[in-house]
C-alpha atoms as a PDB file:
ATOM      1  CA  MET A   1     -19.339  -4.679   4.432  1.00  0.00           C
ATOM      2  CA  SER A   2     -17.863  -3.193   7.570  1.00  0.00           C
ATOM      3  CA  ASP A   3     -14.726  -1.117   7.959  1.00  0.00           C
ATOM      4  CA  VAL A   4     -11.379  -2.931   7.906  1.00  0.00           C
ATOM      5  CA  ILE A   5      -8.140  -2.000   9.670  1.00  0.00           C
ATOM      6  CA  VAL A   6      -5.294  -2.483   7.212  1.00  0.00           C
ATOM      7  CA  ASP A   7      -1.700  -3.198   8.213  1.00  0.00           C
ATOM      8  CA  SER A   8       1.136  -1.463   6.384  1.00  0.00           C
ATOM      9  CA  SER A   9       2.226  -4.775   4.859  1.00  0.00           C
ATOM     10  CA  VAL A  10      -1.092  -4.927   2.998  1.00  0.00           C
ATOM     11  CA  VAL A  11      -0.699  -1.355   1.731  1.00  0.00           C
ATOM     12  CA  VAL A  12       2.793  -2.226   0.469  1.00  0.00           C
ATOM     13  CA  LYS A  13       1.263  -5.080  -1.524  1.00  0.00           C
ATOM     14  CA  TRP A  14      -1.026  -2.549  -3.228  1.00  0.00           C
ATOM     15  CA  LEU A  15       2.011  -0.596  -4.411  1.00  0.00           C
ATOM     16  CA  LEU A  16       4.739  -3.172  -4.999  1.00  0.00           C
ATOM     17  CA  PRO A  17       4.607  -6.393  -6.975  1.00  0.00           C
ATOM     18  CA  GLU A  18       4.638  -9.231  -4.435  1.00  0.00           C
ATOM     19  CA  SER A  19       3.443 -12.826  -4.623  1.00  0.00           C
ATOM     20  CA  ASP A  20       0.172 -12.086  -2.833  1.00  0.00           C
ATOM     21  CA  SER A  21      -0.474  -8.571  -4.139  1.00  0.00           C
ATOM     22  CA  ALA A  22      -3.580  -9.779  -5.972  1.00  0.00           C
ATOM     23  CA  ASP A  23      -5.098 -10.916  -2.663  1.00  0.00           C
ATOM     24  CA  ALA A  24      -4.392  -7.536  -1.081  1.00  0.00           C
ATOM     25  CA  VAL A  25      -5.964  -5.724  -4.019  1.00  0.00           C
ATOM     26  CA  ARG A  26      -8.996  -8.003  -3.791  1.00  0.00           C
ATOM     27  CA  VAL A  27      -9.457  -7.087  -0.114  1.00  0.00           C
ATOM     28  CA  ARG A  28      -9.296  -3.378  -0.978  1.00  0.00           C
ATOM     29  CA  THR A  29     -11.736  -3.778  -3.846  1.00  0.00           C
ATOM     30  CA  ASP A  30     -14.210  -5.858  -1.834  1.00  0.00           C
ATOM     31  CA  VAL A  31     -14.217  -3.517   1.172  1.00  0.00           C
ATOM     32  CA  LEU A  32     -14.688  -0.387  -0.914  1.00  0.00           C
ATOM     33  CA  ALA A  33     -17.298  -2.003  -3.173  1.00  0.00           C
ATOM     34  CA  GLY A  34     -19.234  -3.039  -0.076  1.00  0.00           C
ATOM     35  CA  GLY A  35     -19.311   0.505   1.252  1.00  0.00           C
ATOM     36  CA  GLY A  36     -16.694  -0.116   3.924  1.00  0.00           C
ATOM     37  CA  ARG A  37     -13.680   2.003   4.789  1.00  0.00           C
ATOM     38  CA  LEU A  38     -10.022   1.058   4.907  1.00  0.00           C
ATOM     39  CA  ILE A  39      -8.493   2.277   8.160  1.00  0.00           C
ATOM     40  CA  VAL A  40      -4.732   2.580   8.611  1.00  0.00           C
ATOM     41  CA  LEU A  41      -2.590   3.486  11.597  1.00  0.00           C
ATOM     42  CA  ASP A  42      -0.690   6.768  11.853  1.00  0.00           C
ATOM     43  CA  LEU A  43       2.654   5.112  11.142  1.00  0.00           C
ATOM     44  CA  ILE A  44       1.538   3.970   7.704  1.00  0.00           C
ATOM     45  CA  LEU A  45       3.461   6.668   5.824  1.00  0.00           C
ATOM     46  CA  PRO A  46       6.935   5.941   7.221  1.00  0.00           C
ATOM     47  CA  SER A  47       6.311   2.183   7.177  1.00  0.00           C
ATOM     48  CA  VAL A  48       5.301   2.105   3.527  1.00  0.00           C
ATOM     49  CA  GLY A  49       8.026   4.579   2.566  1.00  0.00           C
ATOM     50  CA  ASN A  50      10.617   2.376   4.236  1.00  0.00           C
ATOM     51  CA  ALA A  51       9.335  -0.724   2.438  1.00  0.00           C
ATOM     52  CA  ILE A  52       9.556   1.068  -0.923  1.00  0.00           C
ATOM     53  CA  TRP A  53      13.091   2.278  -0.161  1.00  0.00           C
ATOM     54  CA  LYS A  54      14.122  -1.223   0.961  1.00  0.00           C
ATOM     55  CA  ALA A  55      12.721  -2.816  -2.213  1.00  0.00           C
ATOM     56  CA  HIS A  56      14.739  -0.360  -4.292  1.00  0.00           C
ATOM     57  CA  ARG A  57      17.928  -0.951  -2.277  1.00  0.00           C
ATOM     58  CA  GLN A  58      17.491  -4.707  -2.799  1.00  0.00           C
ATOM     59  CA  LYS A  59      17.102  -4.040  -6.526  1.00  0.00           C
ATOM     60  CA  LYS A  60      13.598  -5.493  -6.576  1.00  0.00           C
ATOM     61  CA  ILE A  61      12.229  -2.282  -8.117  1.00  0.00           C
ATOM     62  CA  SER A  62      13.788   0.500 -10.170  1.00  0.00           C
ATOM     63  CA  LEU A  63      14.330   4.019  -8.893  1.00  0.00           C
ATOM     64  CA  ALA A  64      11.615   5.250 -11.260  1.00  0.00           C
ATOM     65  CA  PHE A  65       9.151   2.696  -9.897  1.00  0.00           C
ATOM     66  CA  ALA A  66      10.086   3.617  -6.309  1.00  0.00           C
ATOM     67  CA  ARG A  67       9.472   7.290  -7.038  1.00  0.00           C
ATOM     68  CA  GLN A  68       6.145   6.499  -8.683  1.00  0.00           C
ATOM     69  CA  ALA A  69       5.070   4.396  -5.689  1.00  0.00           C
ATOM     70  CA  LEU A  70       6.055   7.180  -3.277  1.00  0.00           C
ATOM     71  CA  VAL A  71       4.132   9.791  -5.250  1.00  0.00           C
ATOM     72  CA  HIS A  72       1.100   7.486  -5.369  1.00  0.00           C
ATOM     73  CA  ARG A  73       1.367   6.947  -1.616  1.00  0.00           C
ATOM     74  CA  LEU A  74       1.535  10.678  -0.895  1.00  0.00           C
ATOM     75  CA  ARG A  75      -1.396  11.470  -3.200  1.00  0.00           C
ATOM     76  CA  SER A  76      -3.563   8.854  -1.503  1.00  0.00           C
ATOM     77  CA  VAL A  77      -3.221  10.426   1.948  1.00  0.00           C
ATOM     78  CA  ASP A  78      -6.605  11.664   3.072  1.00  0.00           C
ATOM     79  CA  GLY A  79      -6.734  14.847   5.075  1.00  0.00           C
END
């Protein structure tokens, strides 16, 4: 499989429970299993961080879950 450019909305679906999170995870799994790379734009970190913060402010996720998602996001940064 070839490389895939991933929008921040897809990355958010990997971290937060949303209606189509399973589809986003399937894309990630398929690309990586096929030897492809997931490519994200430079603004991915603030975009995903903002989405996590917004979900917490809207009481969709707990503070503990938001913190866990942020830590996971920071640990997954390559480079």
